[in-house]
N, C-alpha and C. Protein backbone atom coordinates (compact mmCIF):
# COMPACT_ATOMS: atom_id res chain seq x y z
N UNK A 1 12.55 6.56 -6.74
CA UNK A 1 11.85 5.57 -5.92
C UNK A 1 10.77 4.89 -6.75
N UNK A 2 10.01 5.68 -7.50
CA UNK A 2 8.92 5.10 -8.28
C UNK A 2 9.45 4.21 -9.40
N UNK A 3 10.54 4.64 -10.04
CA UNK A 3 11.13 3.81 -11.10
C UNK A 3 11.64 2.49 -10.56
N UNK A 4 12.26 2.54 -9.38
CA UNK A 4 12.77 1.31 -8.77
C UNK A 4 11.63 0.36 -8.44
N UNK A 5 10.56 0.89 -7.87
CA UNK A 5 9.41 0.06 -7.50
C UNK A 5 8.77 -0.54 -8.75
N UNK A 6 8.60 0.29 -9.79
CA UNK A 6 8.01 -0.21 -11.03
C UNK A 6 8.90 -1.28 -11.67
N UNK A 7 10.21 -1.05 -11.72
CA UNK A 7 11.13 -2.03 -12.31
C UNK A 7 11.10 -3.34 -11.55
N UNK A 8 11.11 -3.25 -10.23
CA UNK A 8 11.05 -4.46 -9.41
C UNK A 8 9.72 -5.19 -9.62
N UNK A 9 8.62 -4.45 -9.66
CA UNK A 9 7.30 -5.07 -9.87
C UNK A 9 7.21 -5.72 -11.25
N UNK A 10 7.69 -5.03 -12.25
CA UNK A 10 7.66 -5.59 -13.60
C UNK A 10 8.54 -6.83 -13.68
N UNK A 11 9.71 -6.79 -13.06
CA UNK A 11 10.63 -7.94 -13.10
C UNK A 11 10.04 -9.16 -12.40
N UNK A 12 9.50 -8.95 -11.21
CA UNK A 12 8.94 -10.07 -10.45
C UNK A 12 7.73 -10.66 -11.17
N UNK A 13 6.88 -9.79 -11.71
CA UNK A 13 5.70 -10.28 -12.42
C UNK A 13 6.11 -10.98 -13.72
N UNK A 14 7.13 -10.46 -14.41
CA UNK A 14 7.60 -11.12 -15.63
C UNK A 14 8.22 -12.48 -15.31
N UNK A 15 8.99 -12.56 -14.23
CA UNK A 15 9.57 -13.85 -13.84
C UNK A 15 8.48 -14.85 -13.46
N UNK A 16 7.42 -14.36 -12.85
CA UNK A 16 6.31 -15.26 -12.54
C UNK A 16 5.60 -15.70 -13.82
N UNK A 17 5.45 -14.78 -14.77
CA UNK A 17 4.82 -15.12 -16.05
C UNK A 17 5.63 -16.16 -16.79
N UNK A 18 6.95 -16.06 -16.72
CA UNK A 18 7.83 -17.03 -17.39
C UNK A 18 8.02 -18.29 -16.55
N UNK A 19 7.27 -18.41 -15.50
CA UNK A 19 7.26 -19.56 -14.60
C UNK A 19 8.62 -19.82 -13.95
N UNK A 20 9.34 -18.73 -13.67
CA UNK A 20 10.56 -18.85 -12.89
C UNK A 20 10.21 -19.19 -11.44
N UNK A 21 9.08 -18.65 -10.98
CA UNK A 21 8.51 -19.02 -9.69
C UNK A 21 7.33 -19.93 -9.99
N UNK A 22 7.51 -21.24 -9.93
CA UNK A 22 6.41 -22.13 -10.31
C UNK A 22 5.24 -22.06 -9.34
N UNK A 23 5.52 -21.71 -8.09
CA UNK A 23 4.47 -21.68 -7.09
C UNK A 23 4.30 -20.25 -6.60
N UNK A 24 3.07 -19.75 -6.64
CA UNK A 24 2.81 -18.38 -6.22
C UNK A 24 3.06 -18.17 -4.73
N UNK A 25 3.06 -19.24 -3.97
CA UNK A 25 3.26 -19.08 -2.53
C UNK A 25 4.69 -18.68 -2.18
N UNK A 26 5.60 -18.70 -3.13
CA UNK A 26 6.96 -18.22 -2.89
C UNK A 26 7.02 -16.70 -2.90
N UNK A 27 6.00 -16.05 -3.46
CA UNK A 27 6.02 -14.60 -3.60
C UNK A 27 5.18 -13.88 -2.55
N UNK A 28 4.24 -14.55 -1.95
CA UNK A 28 3.32 -13.89 -1.03
C UNK A 28 3.93 -13.77 0.36
N UNK A 29 3.36 -12.91 1.16
CA UNK A 29 3.84 -12.69 2.52
C UNK A 29 3.36 -13.83 3.42
N UNK A 30 4.29 -14.47 4.07
CA UNK A 30 3.98 -15.52 5.03
C UNK A 30 4.78 -15.23 6.29
N UNK A 31 4.10 -14.77 7.31
CA UNK A 31 4.75 -14.30 8.54
C UNK A 31 5.58 -15.40 9.19
N UNK A 32 5.11 -16.62 9.16
CA UNK A 32 5.79 -17.71 9.85
C UNK A 32 7.06 -18.17 9.13
N UNK A 33 7.21 -17.82 7.88
CA UNK A 33 8.41 -18.24 7.14
C UNK A 33 9.49 -17.15 7.12
N UNK A 34 9.26 -16.05 7.83
CA UNK A 34 10.26 -14.99 7.91
C UNK A 34 11.36 -15.30 8.92
N UNK A 35 11.08 -16.17 9.84
CA UNK A 35 11.98 -16.44 10.94
C UNK A 35 12.67 -17.79 10.76
N UNK A 36 13.80 -18.01 11.46
CA UNK A 36 14.48 -19.32 11.34
C UNK A 36 13.54 -20.44 11.70
N UNK A 37 13.64 -21.58 11.09
CA UNK A 37 14.67 -22.11 10.22
C UNK A 37 14.52 -21.72 8.75
N UNK A 38 13.42 -21.07 8.37
CA UNK A 38 13.19 -20.75 6.95
C UNK A 38 13.94 -19.49 6.53
N UNK A 39 13.77 -18.39 7.26
CA UNK A 39 14.42 -17.11 7.02
C UNK A 39 14.25 -16.62 5.58
N UNK A 40 13.02 -16.59 5.11
CA UNK A 40 12.71 -16.16 3.74
C UNK A 40 12.34 -14.67 3.77
N UNK A 41 13.33 -13.82 3.90
CA UNK A 41 13.11 -12.39 4.06
C UNK A 41 12.65 -11.70 2.79
N UNK A 42 12.86 -12.32 1.63
CA UNK A 42 12.43 -11.70 0.38
C UNK A 42 10.91 -11.58 0.31
N UNK A 43 10.20 -12.31 1.12
CA UNK A 43 8.73 -12.28 1.07
C UNK A 43 8.17 -10.89 1.36
N UNK A 44 8.84 -10.13 2.20
CA UNK A 44 8.38 -8.77 2.49
C UNK A 44 8.48 -7.93 1.23
N UNK A 45 9.58 -8.02 0.53
CA UNK A 45 9.79 -7.24 -0.69
C UNK A 45 8.87 -7.69 -1.82
N UNK A 46 8.76 -8.99 -2.02
CA UNK A 46 7.94 -9.47 -3.13
C UNK A 46 6.45 -9.26 -2.89
N UNK A 47 6.03 -9.25 -1.64
CA UNK A 47 4.60 -9.02 -1.38
C UNK A 47 4.20 -7.58 -1.69
N UNK A 48 5.16 -6.65 -1.66
CA UNK A 48 4.88 -5.26 -2.03
C UNK A 48 5.22 -4.97 -3.49
N UNK A 49 5.73 -5.96 -4.21
CA UNK A 49 6.16 -5.73 -5.59
C UNK A 49 5.47 -6.60 -6.62
N UNK A 50 4.99 -7.75 -6.23
CA UNK A 50 4.36 -8.64 -7.20
C UNK A 50 2.97 -8.13 -7.54
N UNK A 51 2.65 -8.04 -8.81
CA UNK A 51 1.37 -7.50 -9.26
C UNK A 51 0.32 -8.58 -9.46
N UNK A 52 0.51 -9.72 -8.90
CA UNK A 52 -0.41 -10.83 -9.07
C UNK A 52 -1.58 -10.76 -8.14
N UNK A 53 -2.38 -11.79 -8.06
CA UNK A 53 -2.28 -13.02 -8.82
C UNK A 53 -2.64 -12.77 -10.28
N UNK A 54 -1.86 -13.37 -11.10
CA UNK A 54 -2.04 -13.21 -12.53
C UNK A 54 -0.69 -13.09 -13.21
N UNK A 55 -0.72 -12.96 -14.52
CA UNK A 55 0.51 -12.84 -15.30
C UNK A 55 0.50 -11.51 -16.04
N UNK A 56 1.53 -11.23 -16.79
CA UNK A 56 1.65 -9.96 -17.49
C UNK A 56 0.63 -9.78 -18.61
N UNK A 57 -0.05 -10.82 -19.00
CA UNK A 57 -1.05 -10.69 -20.05
C UNK A 57 -2.45 -10.44 -19.49
N UNK A 58 -2.60 -10.43 -18.17
CA UNK A 58 -3.90 -10.17 -17.55
C UNK A 58 -4.14 -8.67 -17.46
N UNK A 59 -5.37 -8.27 -17.73
CA UNK A 59 -5.71 -6.86 -17.79
C UNK A 59 -5.49 -6.15 -16.45
N UNK A 60 -5.90 -6.78 -15.36
CA UNK A 60 -5.77 -6.12 -14.05
C UNK A 60 -4.30 -5.92 -13.67
N UNK A 61 -3.43 -6.80 -14.09
CA UNK A 61 -1.99 -6.64 -13.81
C UNK A 61 -1.44 -5.48 -14.63
N UNK A 62 -1.83 -5.40 -15.89
CA UNK A 62 -1.38 -4.29 -16.74
C UNK A 62 -1.89 -2.95 -16.24
N UNK A 63 -3.12 -2.90 -15.75
CA UNK A 63 -3.67 -1.66 -15.21
C UNK A 63 -2.95 -1.24 -13.93
N UNK A 64 -2.57 -2.20 -13.12
CA UNK A 64 -1.81 -1.89 -11.91
C UNK A 64 -0.44 -1.32 -12.27
N UNK A 65 0.22 -1.92 -13.24
CA UNK A 65 1.52 -1.41 -13.67
C UNK A 65 1.38 -0.03 -14.30
N UNK A 66 0.32 0.18 -15.08
CA UNK A 66 0.09 1.50 -15.67
C UNK A 66 -0.16 2.54 -14.59
N UNK A 67 -0.92 2.19 -13.57
CA UNK A 67 -1.17 3.13 -12.48
C UNK A 67 0.12 3.49 -11.76
N UNK A 68 1.02 2.52 -11.62
CA UNK A 68 2.32 2.80 -11.02
C UNK A 68 3.09 3.83 -11.84
N UNK A 69 3.03 3.68 -13.15
CA UNK A 69 3.77 4.59 -14.03
C UNK A 69 3.11 5.96 -14.09
N UNK A 70 1.80 6.01 -14.03
CA UNK A 70 1.09 7.27 -14.21
C UNK A 70 1.00 8.10 -12.93
N UNK A 71 0.77 7.48 -11.79
CA UNK A 71 0.46 8.24 -10.59
C UNK A 71 1.65 8.43 -9.66
N UNK A 72 2.41 7.38 -9.43
CA UNK A 72 3.47 7.44 -8.42
C UNK A 72 4.56 8.44 -8.79
N UNK A 73 5.00 8.57 -10.06
CA UNK A 73 5.98 9.63 -10.36
C UNK A 73 5.44 11.03 -10.12
N UNK A 74 4.14 11.23 -10.37
CA UNK A 74 3.54 12.53 -10.09
C UNK A 74 3.55 12.82 -8.59
N UNK A 75 3.27 11.79 -7.80
CA UNK A 75 3.34 11.98 -6.34
C UNK A 75 4.78 12.22 -5.90
N UNK A 76 5.71 11.56 -6.54
CA UNK A 76 7.12 11.72 -6.16
C UNK A 76 7.63 13.12 -6.48
N UNK A 77 7.10 13.76 -7.51
CA UNK A 77 7.50 15.13 -7.84
C UNK A 77 7.03 16.12 -6.78
N UNK A 78 5.86 15.88 -6.25
CA UNK A 78 5.29 16.82 -5.28
C UNK A 78 4.60 16.04 -4.15
N UNK A 79 5.38 15.40 -3.27
CA UNK A 79 4.76 14.59 -2.22
C UNK A 79 4.18 15.42 -1.10
N UNK A 80 3.34 14.80 -0.34
CA UNK A 80 2.79 15.43 0.85
C UNK A 80 3.93 15.52 1.86
N UNK A 81 4.30 16.74 2.29
CA UNK A 81 5.44 16.84 3.21
C UNK A 81 5.15 16.14 4.54
N UNK A 82 6.14 15.44 5.03
CA UNK A 82 5.93 14.67 6.26
C UNK A 82 5.74 15.57 7.46
N UNK A 83 6.27 16.77 7.43
CA UNK A 83 6.08 17.67 8.57
C UNK A 83 4.69 18.26 8.60
N UNK A 84 3.93 18.21 7.50
CA UNK A 84 2.59 18.78 7.49
C UNK A 84 1.55 17.82 8.07
N UNK A 85 1.99 16.65 8.51
CA UNK A 85 1.06 15.71 9.11
C UNK A 85 0.79 16.03 10.58
N UNK A 86 1.43 17.08 11.09
CA UNK A 86 1.20 17.49 12.47
C UNK A 86 -0.19 18.11 12.58
N UNK A 87 -0.73 18.06 13.78
CA UNK A 87 -2.05 18.63 14.01
C UNK A 87 -1.94 20.14 14.09
N UNK A 88 -2.79 20.83 13.37
CA UNK A 88 -2.79 22.29 13.36
C UNK A 88 -4.16 22.78 13.79
N UNK A 89 -4.22 23.30 14.98
CA UNK A 89 -5.51 23.74 15.50
C UNK A 89 -5.75 25.24 15.38
N UNK A 90 -4.68 26.04 15.40
CA UNK A 90 -4.91 27.48 15.44
C UNK A 90 -5.33 28.00 14.08
N UNK A 91 -6.06 29.09 14.10
CA UNK A 91 -6.62 29.68 12.90
C UNK A 91 -5.53 30.27 12.01
N UNK A 92 -4.44 30.73 12.60
CA UNK A 92 -3.37 31.34 11.81
C UNK A 92 -2.74 30.35 10.85
N UNK A 93 -2.52 29.14 11.30
CA UNK A 93 -1.91 28.17 10.39
C UNK A 93 -2.87 27.79 9.27
N UNK A 94 -4.16 27.74 9.55
CA UNK A 94 -5.14 27.47 8.49
C UNK A 94 -5.15 28.60 7.46
N UNK A 95 -5.10 29.84 7.96
CA UNK A 95 -5.06 30.97 7.04
C UNK A 95 -3.79 30.96 6.22
N UNK A 96 -2.66 30.57 6.84
CA UNK A 96 -1.40 30.51 6.12
C UNK A 96 -1.46 29.45 5.01
N UNK A 97 -2.07 28.30 5.30
CA UNK A 97 -2.20 27.25 4.29
C UNK A 97 -3.07 27.74 3.13
N UNK A 98 -4.20 28.38 3.44
CA UNK A 98 -5.06 28.92 2.38
C UNK A 98 -4.34 29.97 1.55
N UNK A 99 -3.58 30.82 2.23
CA UNK A 99 -2.83 31.85 1.53
C UNK A 99 -1.80 31.23 0.58
N UNK A 100 -1.08 30.21 1.05
CA UNK A 100 -0.09 29.53 0.20
C UNK A 100 -0.75 28.87 -1.01
N UNK A 101 -1.90 28.26 -0.81
CA UNK A 101 -2.60 27.62 -1.94
C UNK A 101 -3.02 28.64 -2.99
N UNK A 102 -3.57 29.77 -2.53
CA UNK A 102 -3.99 30.81 -3.48
C UNK A 102 -2.78 31.40 -4.21
N UNK A 103 -1.69 31.58 -3.50
CA UNK A 103 -0.48 32.11 -4.09
C UNK A 103 0.09 31.16 -5.15
N UNK A 104 0.05 29.86 -4.87
CA UNK A 104 0.54 28.86 -5.83
C UNK A 104 -0.31 28.86 -7.09
N UNK A 105 -1.61 29.06 -6.93
CA UNK A 105 -2.49 29.06 -8.10
C UNK A 105 -2.21 30.27 -8.99
N UNK A 106 -1.94 31.42 -8.35
CA UNK A 106 -1.67 32.64 -9.12
C UNK A 106 -0.30 32.60 -9.81
N UNK A 107 0.69 32.07 -9.11
CA UNK A 107 2.06 32.06 -9.63
C UNK A 107 2.63 30.66 -9.51
N UNK A 108 2.20 29.73 -10.37
CA UNK A 108 2.67 28.34 -10.24
C UNK A 108 4.16 28.16 -10.55
N UNK A 109 4.72 29.01 -11.41
CA UNK A 109 6.12 28.82 -11.77
C UNK A 109 7.06 29.16 -10.62
N UNK A 110 6.66 30.00 -9.69
CA UNK A 110 7.51 30.37 -8.57
C UNK A 110 7.60 29.26 -7.53
N UNK A 111 6.66 28.36 -7.54
CA UNK A 111 6.57 27.37 -6.48
C UNK A 111 6.73 25.96 -7.02
N UNK A 112 7.62 25.78 -7.96
CA UNK A 112 7.81 24.44 -8.51
C UNK A 112 8.43 23.50 -7.49
N UNK A 113 9.34 24.01 -6.68
CA UNK A 113 9.95 23.16 -5.67
C UNK A 113 9.32 23.50 -4.32
N UNK A 114 8.32 22.74 -3.96
CA UNK A 114 7.57 23.02 -2.73
C UNK A 114 8.20 22.39 -1.52
N UNK A 115 8.89 21.33 -1.71
CA UNK A 115 9.54 20.66 -0.60
C UNK A 115 11.04 20.68 -0.83
N UNK A 116 11.79 20.86 0.23
CA UNK A 116 13.23 20.90 0.08
C UNK A 116 13.79 19.52 -0.24
N UNK A 117 13.15 18.50 0.28
CA UNK A 117 13.61 17.14 0.04
C UNK A 117 12.43 16.24 -0.32
N UNK A 118 11.95 16.33 -1.57
CA UNK A 118 10.77 15.54 -1.92
C UNK A 118 11.02 14.04 -1.90
N UNK A 119 12.26 13.61 -2.17
CA UNK A 119 12.52 12.17 -2.16
C UNK A 119 12.40 11.60 -0.76
N UNK A 120 12.87 12.32 0.23
CA UNK A 120 12.75 11.81 1.59
C UNK A 120 11.29 11.77 2.05
N UNK A 121 10.50 12.77 1.62
CA UNK A 121 9.08 12.75 1.95
C UNK A 121 8.37 11.58 1.27
N UNK A 122 8.75 11.31 0.02
CA UNK A 122 8.16 10.19 -0.71
C UNK A 122 8.58 8.86 -0.10
N UNK A 123 9.84 8.75 0.28
CA UNK A 123 10.32 7.53 0.93
C UNK A 123 9.61 7.32 2.27
N UNK A 124 9.41 8.41 3.01
CA UNK A 124 8.68 8.32 4.27
C UNK A 124 7.25 7.83 4.03
N UNK A 125 6.61 8.32 2.97
CA UNK A 125 5.25 7.89 2.65
C UNK A 125 5.23 6.40 2.29
N UNK A 126 6.19 5.96 1.47
CA UNK A 126 6.27 4.54 1.12
C UNK A 126 6.43 3.67 2.36
N UNK A 127 7.39 4.04 3.21
CA UNK A 127 7.68 3.22 4.38
C UNK A 127 6.54 3.23 5.40
N UNK A 128 5.97 4.41 5.66
CA UNK A 128 4.89 4.46 6.65
C UNK A 128 3.65 3.72 6.16
N UNK A 129 3.32 3.85 4.88
CA UNK A 129 2.18 3.10 4.34
C UNK A 129 2.46 1.60 4.39
N UNK A 130 3.67 1.20 4.05
CA UNK A 130 4.03 -0.21 4.09
C UNK A 130 3.95 -0.79 5.49
N UNK A 131 4.44 -0.05 6.48
CA UNK A 131 4.37 -0.52 7.86
C UNK A 131 2.93 -0.63 8.33
N UNK A 132 2.11 0.35 8.00
CA UNK A 132 0.69 0.30 8.39
C UNK A 132 -0.05 -0.86 7.71
N UNK A 133 0.25 -1.10 6.45
CA UNK A 133 -0.38 -2.23 5.74
C UNK A 133 0.02 -3.55 6.37
N UNK A 134 1.32 -3.71 6.66
CA UNK A 134 1.77 -4.94 7.30
C UNK A 134 1.17 -5.11 8.69
N UNK A 135 1.12 -4.04 9.46
CA UNK A 135 0.55 -4.13 10.82
C UNK A 135 -0.93 -4.50 10.76
N UNK A 136 -1.66 -3.90 9.84
CA UNK A 136 -3.08 -4.23 9.71
C UNK A 136 -3.26 -5.69 9.30
N UNK A 137 -2.46 -6.15 8.36
CA UNK A 137 -2.56 -7.54 7.92
C UNK A 137 -2.27 -8.49 9.08
N UNK A 138 -1.23 -8.20 9.84
CA UNK A 138 -0.87 -9.08 10.96
C UNK A 138 -1.93 -9.06 12.06
N UNK A 139 -2.52 -7.91 12.32
CA UNK A 139 -3.58 -7.84 13.33
C UNK A 139 -4.79 -8.65 12.89
N UNK A 140 -5.13 -8.55 11.62
CA UNK A 140 -6.32 -9.26 11.13
C UNK A 140 -6.09 -10.76 11.04
N UNK A 141 -4.92 -11.18 10.57
CA UNK A 141 -4.72 -12.61 10.31
C UNK A 141 -4.07 -13.37 11.46
N UNK A 142 -3.22 -12.74 12.23
CA UNK A 142 -2.47 -13.47 13.26
C UNK A 142 -3.11 -13.40 14.64
N UNK A 143 -4.14 -12.61 14.79
CA UNK A 143 -4.83 -12.55 16.08
C UNK A 143 -6.26 -13.02 15.88
N UNK A 144 -6.94 -13.20 16.96
CA UNK A 144 -8.36 -13.60 16.87
C UNK A 144 -9.26 -12.39 17.03
N UNK A 145 -8.73 -11.20 16.78
CA UNK A 145 -9.49 -9.97 16.96
C UNK A 145 -10.66 -9.87 15.98
N UNK A 146 -10.41 -10.11 14.70
CA UNK A 146 -11.48 -9.98 13.71
C UNK A 146 -12.61 -11.00 13.92
N UNK A 147 -12.32 -12.29 14.11
CA UNK A 147 -13.42 -13.22 14.37
C UNK A 147 -14.21 -12.87 15.63
N UNK A 148 -13.54 -12.36 16.65
CA UNK A 148 -14.23 -11.97 17.87
C UNK A 148 -15.20 -10.82 17.61
N UNK A 149 -14.75 -9.84 16.87
CA UNK A 149 -15.61 -8.70 16.54
C UNK A 149 -16.78 -9.15 15.66
N UNK A 150 -16.49 -9.98 14.66
CA UNK A 150 -17.55 -10.42 13.76
C UNK A 150 -18.55 -11.33 14.47
N UNK A 151 -18.09 -12.14 15.41
CA UNK A 151 -19.03 -13.00 16.15
C UNK A 151 -20.01 -12.18 16.98
N UNK A 152 -19.57 -11.05 17.48
CA UNK A 152 -20.49 -10.19 18.23
C UNK A 152 -21.59 -9.65 17.34
N UNK A 153 -21.24 -9.33 16.10
CA UNK A 153 -22.23 -8.81 15.18
C UNK A 153 -23.10 -9.91 14.58
N UNK A 154 -22.58 -11.12 14.51
CA UNK A 154 -23.29 -12.21 13.88
C UNK A 154 -23.96 -13.15 14.88
N UNK A 155 -24.12 -12.71 16.13
CA UNK A 155 -24.73 -13.57 17.16
C UNK A 155 -26.17 -13.94 16.83
N UNK A 156 -26.86 -13.08 16.14
CA UNK A 156 -28.26 -13.32 15.85
C UNK A 156 -28.45 -14.43 14.82
N UNK A 157 -27.44 -14.71 14.03
CA UNK A 157 -27.56 -15.73 12.99
C UNK A 157 -27.40 -17.13 13.58
N UNK A 158 -27.95 -18.13 12.92
CA UNK A 158 -27.75 -19.50 13.38
C UNK A 158 -26.27 -19.91 13.31
N UNK A 159 -25.91 -20.92 14.07
CA UNK A 159 -24.51 -21.35 14.16
C UNK A 159 -23.97 -21.84 12.81
N UNK A 160 -24.81 -22.52 12.01
CA UNK A 160 -24.35 -23.01 10.71
C UNK A 160 -23.99 -21.85 9.78
N UNK A 161 -24.79 -20.82 9.79
CA UNK A 161 -24.53 -19.67 8.95
C UNK A 161 -23.25 -18.96 9.39
N UNK A 162 -23.08 -18.84 10.70
CA UNK A 162 -21.87 -18.20 11.22
C UNK A 162 -20.63 -18.99 10.85
N UNK A 163 -20.70 -20.31 10.88
CA UNK A 163 -19.54 -21.12 10.52
C UNK A 163 -19.22 -21.01 9.04
N UNK A 164 -20.25 -20.83 8.21
CA UNK A 164 -20.00 -20.64 6.78
C UNK A 164 -19.34 -19.29 6.53
N UNK A 165 -19.76 -18.26 7.27
CA UNK A 165 -19.19 -16.93 7.07
C UNK A 165 -17.78 -16.82 7.64
N UNK A 166 -17.51 -17.52 8.73
CA UNK A 166 -16.20 -17.47 9.38
C UNK A 166 -15.62 -18.88 9.49
N UNK A 167 -15.08 -19.41 8.42
CA UNK A 167 -14.51 -20.76 8.50
C UNK A 167 -13.28 -20.78 9.39
N UNK A 168 -13.03 -21.91 10.02
CA UNK A 168 -11.88 -22.06 10.92
C UNK A 168 -10.69 -22.68 10.20
N UNK A 169 -10.57 -22.47 8.92
CA UNK A 169 -9.48 -23.06 8.16
C UNK A 169 -8.24 -22.18 8.24
N UNK A 170 -7.17 -22.64 7.63
CA UNK A 170 -5.92 -21.91 7.63
C UNK A 170 -5.83 -20.89 6.49
N UNK A 171 -6.84 -20.82 5.66
CA UNK A 171 -6.78 -19.87 4.55
C UNK A 171 -6.87 -18.44 5.08
N UNK A 172 -6.10 -17.53 4.49
CA UNK A 172 -6.08 -16.16 5.00
C UNK A 172 -7.38 -15.43 4.68
N UNK A 173 -7.72 -14.49 5.55
CA UNK A 173 -8.89 -13.66 5.31
C UNK A 173 -8.61 -12.59 4.27
N UNK A 174 -7.36 -12.20 4.18
CA UNK A 174 -6.92 -11.17 3.24
C UNK A 174 -5.77 -11.76 2.43
N UNK A 175 -5.74 -11.47 1.14
CA UNK A 175 -4.62 -11.95 0.33
C UNK A 175 -3.33 -11.28 0.79
N UNK A 176 -2.27 -12.04 0.98
CA UNK A 176 -1.01 -11.46 1.45
C UNK A 176 -0.18 -10.85 0.33
N UNK A 177 -0.81 -10.05 -0.50
CA UNK A 177 -0.15 -9.34 -1.59
C UNK A 177 -0.52 -7.87 -1.40
N UNK A 178 0.48 -7.02 -1.19
CA UNK A 178 0.21 -5.66 -0.75
C UNK A 178 0.50 -4.60 -1.80
N UNK A 179 0.77 -4.98 -3.03
CA UNK A 179 1.11 -4.00 -4.05
C UNK A 179 -0.05 -3.04 -4.31
N UNK A 180 -1.24 -3.57 -4.46
CA UNK A 180 -2.40 -2.71 -4.70
C UNK A 180 -2.68 -1.80 -3.51
N UNK A 181 -2.57 -2.34 -2.32
CA UNK A 181 -2.82 -1.53 -1.12
C UNK A 181 -1.84 -0.37 -1.03
N UNK A 182 -0.57 -0.64 -1.32
CA UNK A 182 0.43 0.42 -1.28
C UNK A 182 0.17 1.45 -2.37
N UNK A 183 -0.19 0.99 -3.55
CA UNK A 183 -0.49 1.92 -4.65
C UNK A 183 -1.70 2.79 -4.31
N UNK A 184 -2.76 2.19 -3.77
CA UNK A 184 -3.95 2.96 -3.44
C UNK A 184 -3.67 3.93 -2.29
N UNK A 185 -2.79 3.58 -1.37
CA UNK A 185 -2.43 4.53 -0.31
C UNK A 185 -1.69 5.73 -0.89
N UNK A 186 -0.80 5.47 -1.84
CA UNK A 186 -0.09 6.58 -2.46
C UNK A 186 -1.01 7.43 -3.33
N UNK A 187 -1.97 6.80 -3.97
CA UNK A 187 -2.96 7.57 -4.74
C UNK A 187 -3.77 8.45 -3.81
N UNK A 188 -4.12 7.93 -2.64
CA UNK A 188 -4.85 8.73 -1.66
C UNK A 188 -4.02 9.91 -1.18
N UNK A 189 -2.76 9.68 -0.88
CA UNK A 189 -1.89 10.79 -0.47
C UNK A 189 -1.73 11.81 -1.59
N UNK A 190 -1.65 11.34 -2.83
CA UNK A 190 -1.54 12.26 -3.97
C UNK A 190 -2.82 13.07 -4.13
N UNK A 191 -3.95 12.46 -3.89
CA UNK A 191 -5.22 13.21 -4.03
C UNK A 191 -5.41 14.21 -2.89
N UNK A 192 -4.79 13.97 -1.74
CA UNK A 192 -4.85 14.96 -0.66
C UNK A 192 -4.06 16.20 -1.07
N UNK A 193 -2.92 15.97 -1.69
CA UNK A 193 -2.07 17.09 -2.10
C UNK A 193 -2.63 17.79 -3.34
N UNK A 194 -3.20 17.04 -4.25
CA UNK A 194 -3.73 17.60 -5.51
C UNK A 194 -5.17 17.16 -5.68
N UNK A 195 -6.12 17.87 -5.08
CA UNK A 195 -7.52 17.43 -5.15
C UNK A 195 -8.13 17.52 -6.53
């Protein structure tokens, strides 16, 4: 999974660097262009794979690609099991988790395969993080929820200042490029498993 994501990200970013995509707006997520008459479904994939804005010679793009190579394969080897996301309130399960951690530290070679299906757990993490990122983006940009909340907090300011802080233009509040967000979510999941 990590190799496929890295290869796709490298390919899309390289094609953008070679100006195969002359306009960056062809790569970003645009909710209104997903449906007919446009039906540009690739935007979902490219928004999670393009390492821009920038080209392959930019430092931040190279660091993002390096982080993909360094962290995501490590998470894929030992992902956070999807069944462990259940709520555990009783003391016995907490003691069992502590016991398993201490046992793994003492005998790491016995516990190399901690999950029966690590690829499915990793795929579940990719998909659930992607869905949550998309849902958050759509809630923030496609509804008036964020401006409503911010106007309540900014009521004390004069109207001119509020209009400067919250312009009514069509520009997005958040960049519709989710590669970094997905990578940081996977880094967070990896740090939960390996503190």
